[in-house]
Protein backbone atom coordinates (compact mmCIF):
# COMPACT_ATOMS: atom_id res chain seq x y z
CA UNK A 1 0.00 0.00 0.00
CA UNK A 2 0.98 3.60 -0.55
CA UNK A 3 0.12 6.32 1.94
CA UNK A 4 -2.80 8.18 0.34
CA UNK A 5 -1.38 11.51 1.52
CA UNK A 6 1.76 10.94 -0.57
CA UNK A 7 -0.18 10.63 -3.83
CA UNK A 8 0.13 14.24 -4.89
CA UNK A 9 0.49 16.16 -8.10
CA UNK A 10 4.12 16.44 -9.16
CA UNK A 11 5.57 13.78 -6.85
CA UNK A 12 8.44 11.76 -8.38
CA UNK A 13 7.85 8.01 -8.86
CA UNK A 14 9.25 4.86 -10.40
CA UNK A 15 7.04 2.08 -11.77
CA UNK A 16 6.53 -0.70 -14.29
CA UNK A 17 4.13 0.25 -17.03
CA UNK A 18 3.18 -2.18 -19.81
CA UNK A 19 6.39 -4.15 -19.28
CA UNK A 20 8.63 -1.07 -19.22
CA UNK A 21 10.57 -0.05 -16.12
CA UNK A 22 10.23 3.69 -15.73
CA UNK A 23 12.73 5.37 -13.42
CA UNK A 24 12.00 9.01 -14.26
CA UNK A 25 8.33 9.95 -13.85
CA UNK A 26 5.95 12.16 -11.91
CA UNK A 27 2.34 11.81 -10.88
CA UNK A 28 -0.26 14.18 -12.21
CA UNK A 29 -3.42 14.34 -10.11
CA UNK A 30 -6.34 16.33 -11.49
CA UNK A 31 -9.16 18.03 -9.57
CA UNK A 32 -11.34 14.91 -9.93
CA UNK A 33 -8.73 12.71 -8.25
CA UNK A 34 -7.67 10.95 -11.45
CA UNK A 35 -4.01 9.96 -11.32
CA UNK A 36 -1.67 9.80 -14.30
CA UNK A 37 1.98 8.78 -14.59
CA UNK A 38 3.86 11.37 -16.64
CA UNK A 39 6.99 10.02 -18.32
CA UNK A 40 8.84 9.74 -21.64
CA UNK A 41 8.40 6.01 -22.39
CA UNK A 42 4.78 4.85 -22.75
CA UNK A 43 2.00 6.82 -24.46
CA UNK A 44 -1.48 6.60 -22.96
CA UNK A 45 -4.25 8.96 -21.89
CA UNK A 46 -3.75 12.70 -22.10
CA UNK A 47 -3.78 14.79 -18.93
CA UNK A 48 -3.65 18.57 -18.61
CA UNK A 49 -0.26 18.82 -16.88
CA UNK A 50 2.42 16.36 -17.97
CA UNK A 51 5.06 18.11 -15.84
CA UNK A 52 7.37 18.53 -18.85
CA UNK A 53 7.23 14.88 -19.92
CA UNK A 54 6.22 13.66 -23.38
CA UNK A 55 3.51 11.18 -22.28
CA UNK A 56 0.93 10.61 -19.58
CA UNK A 57 -0.82 7.36 -18.69
CA UNK A 58 -4.01 7.06 -16.60
CA UNK A 59 -3.55 4.65 -13.67
CA UNK A 60 -6.71 5.16 -11.62
CA UNK A 61 -8.16 7.17 -8.77
CA UNK A 62 -6.20 8.19 -5.69
CA UNK A 63 -7.91 5.37 -3.77
CA UNK A 64 -7.01 2.73 -6.39
CA UNK A 65 -3.41 3.90 -6.59
CA UNK A 66 -3.12 3.90 -2.76
CA UNK A 67 -4.06 0.21 -2.74
CA UNK A 68 -0.78 -0.36 -4.59
CA UNK A 69 -1.85 -3.55 -6.32
CA UNK A 70 -0.38 -2.70 -9.70
CA UNK A 71 2.51 -1.05 -11.51
CA UNK A 72 5.08 -1.61 -8.75
CA UNK A 73 4.66 2.11 -8.09
CA UNK A 74 7.15 3.66 -5.69
CA UNK A 75 7.32 7.23 -4.53
CA UNK A 76 10.90 8.49 -4.66
CA UNK A 77 12.69 11.52 -3.36
CA UNK A 78 15.10 12.97 -5.90
CA UNK A 79 17.47 14.15 -3.17
CA UNK A 80 17.77 10.63 -1.76
CA UNK A 81 18.03 9.07 -5.21
CA UNK A 82 20.88 11.42 -6.20
CA UNK A 83 22.83 10.59 -3.03
CA UNK A 84 22.72 6.86 -3.80
CA UNK A 85 24.30 7.26 -7.24
PDB file of N, CA and C in Angstrom:
ATOM      1  N   UNK A   1       0.832  -1.195   0.000  1.00  0.00           N
ATOM      2  CA  UNK A   1       0.000   0.000   0.000  1.00  0.00           C
ATOM      3  C   UNK A   1       0.874   1.255   0.000  1.00  0.00           C
ATOM      4  N   UNK A   2       0.325   2.306  -0.538  1.00  0.00           N
ATOM      5  CA  UNK A   2       0.981   3.604  -0.553  1.00  0.00           C
ATOM      6  C   UNK A   2       0.152   4.555   0.298  1.00  0.00           C
ATOM      7  N   UNK A   3       0.809   5.329   1.123  1.00  0.00           N
ATOM      8  CA  UNK A   3       0.120   6.319   1.940  1.00  0.00           C
ATOM      9  C   UNK A   3      -0.637   7.277   1.023  1.00  0.00           C
ATOM     10  N   UNK A   4      -1.942   7.346   1.192  1.00  0.00           N
ATOM     11  CA  UNK A   4      -2.805   8.176   0.338  1.00  0.00           C
ATOM     12  C   UNK A   4      -2.346   9.638   0.317  1.00  0.00           C
ATOM     13  N   UNK A   5      -1.830  10.123   1.427  1.00  0.00           N
ATOM     14  CA  UNK A   5      -1.383  11.513   1.524  1.00  0.00           C
ATOM     15  C   UNK A   5      -0.151  11.804   0.672  1.00  0.00           C
ATOM     16  N   UNK A   6       0.571  10.757   0.255  1.00  0.00           N
ATOM     17  CA  UNK A   6       1.762  10.938  -0.569  1.00  0.00           C
ATOM     18  C   UNK A   6       1.440  10.953  -2.069  1.00  0.00           C
ATOM     19  N   UNK A   7       0.222  10.633  -2.418  1.00  0.00           N
ATOM     20  CA  UNK A   7      -0.183  10.631  -3.833  1.00  0.00           C
ATOM     21  C   UNK A   7      -0.616  12.044  -4.182  1.00  0.00           C
ATOM     22  N   UNK A   8       0.365  12.826  -4.617  1.00  0.00           N
ATOM     23  CA  UNK A   8       0.134  14.244  -4.887  1.00  0.00           C
ATOM     24  C   UNK A   8       0.632  14.602  -6.275  1.00  0.00           C
ATOM     25  N   UNK A   9       0.069  15.650  -6.809  1.00  0.00           N
ATOM     26  CA  UNK A   9       0.485  16.160  -8.103  1.00  0.00           C
ATOM     27  C   UNK A   9       1.952  16.563  -8.069  1.00  0.00           C
ATOM     28  N   UNK A  10       2.727  16.059  -9.026  1.00  0.00           N
ATOM     29  CA  UNK A  10       4.123  16.436  -9.162  1.00  0.00           C
ATOM     30  C   UNK A  10       5.116  15.588  -8.398  1.00  0.00           C
ATOM     31  N   UNK A  11       4.650  14.612  -7.617  1.00  0.00           N
ATOM     32  CA  UNK A  11       5.571  13.775  -6.847  1.00  0.00           C
ATOM     33  C   UNK A  11       6.310  12.818  -7.797  1.00  0.00           C
ATOM     34  N   UNK A  12       7.618  12.641  -7.558  1.00  0.00           N
ATOM     35  CA  UNK A  12       8.442  11.757  -8.381  1.00  0.00           C
ATOM     36  C   UNK A  12       8.170  10.302  -8.019  1.00  0.00           C
ATOM     37  N   UNK A  13       8.117   9.437  -9.055  1.00  0.00           N
ATOM     38  CA  UNK A  13       7.847   8.013  -8.855  1.00  0.00           C
ATOM     39  C   UNK A  13       8.689   7.172  -9.803  1.00  0.00           C
ATOM     40  N   UNK A  14       8.779   5.881  -9.478  1.00  0.00           N
ATOM     41  CA  UNK A  14       9.250   4.861 -10.400  1.00  0.00           C
ATOM     42  C   UNK A  14       8.125   3.841 -10.508  1.00  0.00           C
ATOM     43  N   UNK A  15       8.106   3.070 -11.608  1.00  0.00           N
ATOM     44  CA  UNK A  15       7.044   2.075 -11.769  1.00  0.00           C
ATOM     45  C   UNK A  15       7.373   1.129 -12.922  1.00  0.00           C
ATOM     46  N   UNK A  16       6.519   0.134 -13.094  1.00  0.00           N
ATOM     47  CA  UNK A  16       6.529  -0.699 -14.291  1.00  0.00           C
ATOM     48  C   UNK A  16       5.218  -0.439 -14.992  1.00  0.00           C
ATOM     49  N   UNK A  17       5.305  -0.112 -16.262  1.00  0.00           N
ATOM     50  CA  UNK A  17       4.127   0.254 -17.034  1.00  0.00           C
ATOM     51  C   UNK A  17       4.177  -0.473 -18.371  1.00  0.00           C
ATOM     52  N   UNK A  18       3.242  -1.388 -18.585  1.00  0.00           N
ATOM     53  CA  UNK A  18       3.177  -2.184 -19.813  1.00  0.00           C
ATOM     54  C   UNK A  18       4.515  -2.858 -20.128  1.00  0.00           C
ATOM     55  N   UNK A  19       5.143  -3.423 -19.111  1.00  0.00           N
ATOM     56  CA  UNK A  19       6.393  -4.148 -19.282  1.00  0.00           C
ATOM     57  C   UNK A  19       7.641  -3.285 -19.289  1.00  0.00           C
ATOM     58  N   UNK A  20       7.488  -1.977 -19.225  1.00  0.00           N
ATOM     59  CA  UNK A  20       8.629  -1.074 -19.223  1.00  0.00           C
ATOM     60  C   UNK A  20       8.913  -0.580 -17.806  1.00  0.00           C
ATOM     61  N   UNK A  21      10.170  -0.642 -17.393  1.00  0.00           N
ATOM     62  CA  UNK A  21      10.566  -0.054 -16.118  1.00  0.00           C
ATOM     63  C   UNK A  21      10.805   1.426 -16.350  1.00  0.00           C
ATOM     64  N   UNK A  22      10.129   2.247 -15.578  1.00  0.00           N
ATOM     65  CA  UNK A  22      10.228   3.695 -15.728  1.00  0.00           C
ATOM     66  C   UNK A  22      10.833   4.256 -14.445  1.00  0.00           C
ATOM     67  N   UNK A  23      12.004   4.857 -14.587  1.00  0.00           N
ATOM     68  CA  UNK A  23      12.732   5.367 -13.420  1.00  0.00           C
ATOM     69  C   UNK A  23      12.627   6.875 -13.275  1.00  0.00           C
ATOM     70  N   UNK A  24      12.125   7.547 -14.300  1.00  0.00           N
ATOM     71  CA  UNK A  24      12.000   9.008 -14.257  1.00  0.00           C
ATOM     72  C   UNK A  24      10.566   9.370 -14.620  1.00  0.00           C
ATOM     73  N   UNK A  25       9.748   9.649 -13.617  1.00  0.00           N
ATOM     74  CA  UNK A  25       8.332   9.951 -13.853  1.00  0.00           C
ATOM     75  C   UNK A  25       7.787  10.788 -12.703  1.00  0.00           C
ATOM     76  N   UNK A  26       6.669  11.415 -12.952  1.00  0.00           N
ATOM     77  CA  UNK A  26       5.950  12.156 -11.909  1.00  0.00           C
ATOM     78  C   UNK A  26       4.469  11.852 -12.018  1.00  0.00           C
ATOM     79  N   UNK A  27       3.788  11.949 -10.884  1.00  0.00           N
ATOM     80  CA  UNK A  27       2.338  11.808 -10.881  1.00  0.00           C
ATOM     81  C   UNK A  27       1.694  13.129 -11.250  1.00  0.00           C
ATOM     82  N   UNK A  28       0.593  13.029 -11.965  1.00  0.00           N
ATOM     83  CA  UNK A  28      -0.264  14.183 -12.211  1.00  0.00           C
ATOM     84  C   UNK A  28      -1.629  13.809 -11.658  1.00  0.00           C
ATOM     85  N   UNK A  29      -2.127  14.602 -10.732  1.00  0.00           N
ATOM     86  CA  UNK A  29      -3.423  14.336 -10.109  1.00  0.00           C
ATOM     87  C   UNK A  29      -4.333  15.513 -10.428  1.00  0.00           C
ATOM     88  N   UNK A  30      -5.454  15.229 -11.123  1.00  0.00           N
ATOM     89  CA  UNK A  30      -6.345  16.333 -11.491  1.00  0.00           C
ATOM     90  C   UNK A  30      -7.364  16.609 -10.387  1.00  0.00           C
ATOM     91  N   UNK A  31      -8.199  17.607 -10.593  1.00  0.00           N
ATOM     92  CA  UNK A  31      -9.160  18.035  -9.569  1.00  0.00           C
ATOM     93  C   UNK A  31     -10.214  16.974  -9.266  1.00  0.00           C
ATOM     94  N   UNK A  32     -10.392  16.004 -10.158  1.00  0.00           N
ATOM     95  CA  UNK A  32     -11.344  14.911  -9.934  1.00  0.00           C
ATOM     96  C   UNK A  32     -10.711  13.729  -9.216  1.00  0.00           C
ATOM     97  N   UNK A  33      -9.410  13.809  -8.924  1.00  0.00           N
ATOM     98  CA  UNK A  33      -8.725  12.713  -8.248  1.00  0.00           C
ATOM     99  C   UNK A  33      -8.219  11.639  -9.185  1.00  0.00           C
ATOM    100  N   UNK A  34      -8.226  11.899 -10.489  1.00  0.00           N
ATOM    101  CA  UNK A  34      -7.675  10.952 -11.454  1.00  0.00           C
ATOM    102  C   UNK A  34      -6.158  11.097 -11.460  1.00  0.00           C
ATOM    103  N   UNK A  35      -5.466   9.952 -11.424  1.00  0.00           N
ATOM    104  CA  UNK A  35      -4.007   9.955 -11.319  1.00  0.00           C
ATOM    105  C   UNK A  35      -3.388   9.439 -12.617  1.00  0.00           C
ATOM    106  N   UNK A  36      -2.391  10.160 -13.087  1.00  0.00           N
ATOM    107  CA  UNK A  36      -1.666   9.805 -14.297  1.00  0.00           C
ATOM    108  C   UNK A  36      -0.186   9.697 -13.957  1.00  0.00           C
ATOM    109  N   UNK A  37       0.532   8.815 -14.680  1.00  0.00           N
ATOM    110  CA  UNK A  37       1.981   8.783 -14.593  1.00  0.00           C
ATOM    111  C   UNK A  37       2.502   9.525 -15.812  1.00  0.00           C
ATOM    112  N   UNK A  38       3.267  10.569 -15.568  1.00  0.00           N
ATOM    113  CA  UNK A  38       3.857  11.366 -16.637  1.00  0.00           C
ATOM    114  C   UNK A  38       5.303  10.920 -16.802  1.00  0.00           C
ATOM    115  N   UNK A  39       5.681  10.587 -18.047  1.00  0.00           N
ATOM    116  CA  UNK A  39       6.990  10.015 -18.318  1.00  0.00           C
ATOM    117  C   UNK A  39       7.274  10.095 -19.816  1.00  0.00           C
ATOM    118  N   UNK A  40       8.436   9.641 -20.238  1.00  0.00           N
ATOM    119  CA  UNK A  40       8.841   9.745 -21.642  1.00  0.00           C
ATOM    120  C   UNK A  40       8.914   8.401 -22.358  1.00  0.00           C
ATOM    121  N   UNK A  41       8.258   7.354 -21.829  1.00  0.00           N
ATOM    122  CA  UNK A  41       8.400   6.015 -22.389  1.00  0.00           C
ATOM    123  C   UNK A  41       7.119   5.492 -23.039  1.00  0.00           C
ATOM    124  N   UNK A  42       6.001   5.523 -22.323  1.00  0.00           N
ATOM    125  CA  UNK A  42       4.783   4.849 -22.754  1.00  0.00           C
ATOM    126  C   UNK A  42       3.637   5.825 -22.973  1.00  0.00           C
ATOM    127  N   UNK A  43       3.149   5.953 -24.223  1.00  0.00           N
ATOM    128  CA  UNK A  43       1.996   6.822 -24.464  1.00  0.00           C
ATOM    129  C   UNK A  43       0.731   6.217 -23.860  1.00  0.00           C
ATOM    130  N   UNK A  44      -0.220   7.070 -23.533  1.00  0.00           N
ATOM    131  CA  UNK A  44      -1.480   6.599 -22.961  1.00  0.00           C
ATOM    132  C   UNK A  44      -2.520   7.690 -23.041  1.00  0.00           C
ATOM    133  N   UNK A  45      -3.204   7.931 -21.960  1.00  0.00           N
ATOM    134  CA  UNK A  45      -4.245   8.955 -21.894  1.00  0.00           C
ATOM    135  C   UNK A  45      -3.618  10.332 -21.680  1.00  0.00           C
ATOM    136  N   UNK A  46      -4.262  11.337 -22.212  1.00  0.00           N
ATOM    137  CA  UNK A  46      -3.753  12.701 -22.102  1.00  0.00           C
ATOM    138  C   UNK A  46      -4.275  13.354 -20.820  1.00  0.00           C
ATOM    139  N   UNK A  47      -3.372  13.997 -20.081  1.00  0.00           N
ATOM    140  CA  UNK A  47      -3.780  14.794 -18.927  1.00  0.00           C
ATOM    141  C   UNK A  47      -3.386  16.245 -19.182  1.00  0.00           C
ATOM    142  N   UNK A  48      -3.896  17.146 -18.374  1.00  0.00           N
ATOM    143  CA  UNK A  48      -3.652  18.570 -18.613  1.00  0.00           C
ATOM    144  C   UNK A  48      -2.241  19.012 -18.272  1.00  0.00           C
ATOM    145  N   UNK A  49      -1.606  18.417 -17.263  1.00  0.00           N
ATOM    146  CA  UNK A  49      -0.256  18.825 -16.880  1.00  0.00           C
ATOM    147  C   UNK A  49       0.655  17.607 -16.858  1.00  0.00           C
ATOM    148  N   UNK A  50       1.497  17.486 -17.876  1.00  0.00           N
ATOM    149  CA  UNK A  50       2.423  16.356 -17.971  1.00  0.00           C
ATOM    150  C   UNK A  50       3.768  16.658 -17.313  1.00  0.00           C
ATOM    151  N   UNK A  51       3.863  17.754 -16.596  1.00  0.00           N
ATOM    152  CA  UNK A  51       5.064  18.111 -15.838  1.00  0.00           C
ATOM    153  C   UNK A  51       6.331  18.068 -16.687  1.00  0.00           C
ATOM    154  N   UNK A  52       6.210  18.461 -17.967  1.00  0.00           N
ATOM    155  CA  UNK A  52       7.367  18.527 -18.852  1.00  0.00           C
ATOM    156  C   UNK A  52       7.713  17.224 -19.551  1.00  0.00           C
ATOM    157  N   UNK A  53       6.971  16.159 -19.268  1.00  0.00           N
ATOM    158  CA  UNK A  53       7.232  14.880 -19.922  1.00  0.00           C
ATOM    159  C   UNK A  53       6.459  14.789 -21.233  1.00  0.00           C
ATOM    160  N   UNK A  54       6.842  13.851 -22.068  1.00  0.00           N
ATOM    161  CA  UNK A  54       6.223  13.661 -23.379  1.00  0.00           C
ATOM    162  C   UNK A  54       4.860  12.967 -23.282  1.00  0.00           C
ATOM    163  N   UNK A  55       4.722  11.990 -22.373  1.00  0.00           N
ATOM    164  CA  UNK A  55       3.512  11.177 -22.283  1.00  0.00           C
ATOM    165  C   UNK A  55       2.891  11.203 -20.880  1.00  0.00           C
ATOM    166  N   UNK A  56       1.607  10.866 -20.845  1.00  0.00           N
ATOM    167  CA  UNK A  56       0.927  10.609 -19.579  1.00  0.00           C
ATOM    168  C   UNK A  56       0.098   9.346 -19.753  1.00  0.00           C
ATOM    169  N   UNK A  57      -0.113   8.629 -18.644  1.00  0.00           N
ATOM    170  CA  UNK A  57      -0.823   7.356 -18.690  1.00  0.00           C
ATOM    171  C   UNK A  57      -1.730   7.277 -17.463  1.00  0.00           C
ATOM    172  N   UNK A  58      -3.040   7.127 -17.691  1.00  0.00           N
ATOM    173  CA  UNK A  58      -4.008   7.065 -16.596  1.00  0.00           C
ATOM    174  C   UNK A  58      -3.840   5.763 -15.830  1.00  0.00           C
ATOM    175  N   UNK A  59      -3.716   5.854 -14.485  1.00  0.00           N
ATOM    176  CA  UNK A  59      -3.548   4.646 -13.673  1.00  0.00           C
ATOM    177  C   UNK A  59      -4.653   4.434 -12.646  1.00  0.00           C
ATOM    178  N   UNK A  60      -5.592   5.360 -12.531  1.00  0.00           N
ATOM    179  CA  UNK A  60      -6.709   5.159 -11.617  1.00  0.00           C
ATOM    180  C   UNK A  60      -6.966   6.359 -10.721  1.00  0.00           C
ATOM    181  N   UNK A  61      -7.839   6.134  -9.754  1.00  0.00           N
ATOM    182  CA  UNK A  61      -8.162   7.170  -8.773  1.00  0.00           C
ATOM    183  C   UNK A  61      -7.116   7.148  -7.658  1.00  0.00           C
ATOM    184  N   UNK A  62      -7.123   8.160  -6.829  1.00  0.00           N
ATOM    185  CA  UNK A  62      -6.199   8.193  -5.693  1.00  0.00           C
ATOM    186  C   UNK A  62      -6.389   6.945  -4.832  1.00  0.00           C
ATOM    187  N   UNK A  63      -7.626   6.538  -4.607  1.00  0.00           N
ATOM    188  CA  UNK A  63      -7.910   5.368  -3.774  1.00  0.00           C
ATOM    189  C   UNK A  63      -7.337   4.099  -4.387  1.00  0.00           C
ATOM    190  N   UNK A  64      -7.521   3.917  -5.698  1.00  0.00           N
ATOM    191  CA  UNK A  64      -7.013   2.733  -6.394  1.00  0.00           C
ATOM    192  C   UNK A  64      -5.494   2.692  -6.350  1.00  0.00           C
ATOM    193  N   UNK A  65      -4.869   3.827  -6.604  1.00  0.00           N
ATOM    194  CA  UNK A  65      -3.406   3.898  -6.591  1.00  0.00           C
ATOM    195  C   UNK A  65      -2.876   3.618  -5.186  1.00  0.00           C
ATOM    196  N   UNK A  66      -3.547   4.120  -4.155  1.00  0.00           N
ATOM    197  CA  UNK A  66      -3.123   3.899  -2.765  1.00  0.00           C
ATOM    198  C   UNK A  66      -3.122   2.417  -2.394  1.00  0.00           C
ATOM    199  N   UNK A  67      -4.015   1.648  -3.008  1.00  0.00           N
ATOM    200  CA  UNK A  67      -4.057   0.206  -2.742  1.00  0.00           C
ATOM    201  C   UNK A  67      -2.770  -0.469  -3.183  1.00  0.00           C
ATOM    202  N   UNK A  68      -2.093   0.119  -4.169  1.00  0.00           N
ATOM    203  CA  UNK A  68      -0.777  -0.355  -4.587  1.00  0.00           C
ATOM    204  C   UNK A  68      -0.728  -1.744  -5.167  1.00  0.00           C
ATOM    205  N   UNK A  69      -1.792  -2.192  -5.814  1.00  0.00           N
ATOM    206  CA  UNK A  69      -1.845  -3.555  -6.320  1.00  0.00           C
ATOM    207  C   UNK A  69      -1.345  -3.690  -7.755  1.00  0.00           C
ATOM    208  N   UNK A  70      -0.841  -2.628  -8.314  1.00  0.00           N
ATOM    209  CA  UNK A  70      -0.383  -2.699  -9.695  1.00  0.00           C
ATOM    210  C   UNK A  70       0.793  -1.764  -9.931  1.00  0.00           C
ATOM    211  N   UNK A  71       1.473  -1.946 -10.997  1.00  0.00           N
ATOM    212  CA  UNK A  71       2.508  -1.048 -11.512  1.00  0.00           C
ATOM    213  C   UNK A  71       3.812  -1.020 -10.730  1.00  0.00           C
ATOM    214  N   UNK A  72       3.889  -1.700  -9.581  1.00  0.00           N
ATOM    215  CA  UNK A  72       5.085  -1.611  -8.753  1.00  0.00           C
ATOM    216  C   UNK A  72       5.480  -0.150  -8.541  1.00  0.00           C
ATOM    217  N   UNK A  73       4.479   0.669  -8.261  1.00  0.00           N
ATOM    218  CA  UNK A  73       4.662   2.107  -8.094  1.00  0.00           C
ATOM    219  C   UNK A  73       5.375   2.416  -6.786  1.00  0.00           C
ATOM    220  N   UNK A  74       6.417   3.241  -6.885  1.00  0.00           N
ATOM    221  CA  UNK A  74       7.154   3.655  -5.694  1.00  0.00           C
ATOM    222  C   UNK A  74       7.367   5.153  -5.747  1.00  0.00           C
ATOM    223  N   UNK A  75       7.074   5.791  -4.646  1.00  0.00           N
ATOM    224  CA  UNK A  75       7.324   7.226  -4.529  1.00  0.00           C
ATOM    225  C   UNK A  75       8.803   7.384  -4.198  1.00  0.00           C
ATOM    226  N   UNK A  76       9.472   8.279  -4.906  1.00  0.00           N
ATOM    227  CA  UNK A  76      10.899   8.490  -4.661  1.00  0.00           C
ATOM    228  C   UNK A  76      11.142   9.948  -4.292  1.00  0.00           C
ATOM    229  N   UNK A  77      12.263  10.165  -3.713  1.00  0.00           N
ATOM    230  CA  UNK A  77      12.689  11.516  -3.362  1.00  0.00           C
ATOM    231  C   UNK A  77      13.966  11.765  -4.132  1.00  0.00           C
ATOM    232  N   UNK A  78      13.943  12.706  -5.043  1.00  0.00           N
ATOM    233  CA  UNK A  78      15.097  12.969  -5.901  1.00  0.00           C
ATOM    234  C   UNK A  78      16.370  13.201  -5.100  1.00  0.00           C
ATOM    235  N   UNK A  79      16.288  13.898  -3.973  1.00  0.00           N
ATOM    236  CA  UNK A  79      17.472  14.151  -3.166  1.00  0.00           C
ATOM    237  C   UNK A  79      18.103  12.843  -2.699  1.00  0.00           C
ATOM    238  N   UNK A  80      17.268  11.912  -2.227  1.00  0.00           N
ATOM    239  CA  UNK A  80      17.771  10.626  -1.757  1.00  0.00           C
ATOM    240  C   UNK A  80      18.331   9.837  -2.918  1.00  0.00           C
ATOM    241  N   UNK A  81      17.622   9.825  -4.042  1.00  0.00           N
ATOM    242  CA  UNK A  81      18.030   9.071  -5.212  1.00  0.00           C
ATOM    243  C   UNK A  81      19.391   9.565  -5.701  1.00  0.00           C
ATOM    244  N   UNK A  82      19.609  10.855  -5.729  1.00  0.00           N
ATOM    245  CA  UNK A  82      20.875  11.418  -6.200  1.00  0.00           C
ATOM    246  C   UNK A  82      22.030  11.040  -5.280  1.00  0.00           C
ATOM    247  N   UNK A  83      21.777  10.945  -3.982  1.00  0.00           N
ATOM    248  CA  UNK A  83      22.828  10.590  -3.028  1.00  0.00           C
ATOM    249  C   UNK A  83      23.283   9.147  -3.191  1.00  0.00           C
ATOM    250  N   UNK A  84      22.388   8.267  -3.646  1.00  0.00           N
ATOM    251  CA  UNK A  84      22.717   6.856  -3.796  1.00  0.00           C
ATOM    252  C   UNK A  84      23.589   6.609  -5.012  1.00  0.00           C
ATOM    253  N   UNK A  85      23.556   7.469  -5.999  1.00  0.00           N
ATOM    254  CA  UNK A  85      24.304   7.257  -7.240  1.00  0.00           C
ATOM    255  C   UNK A  85      25.696   7.825  -7.164  1.00  0.00           C
TER     256      UNK A  85
END
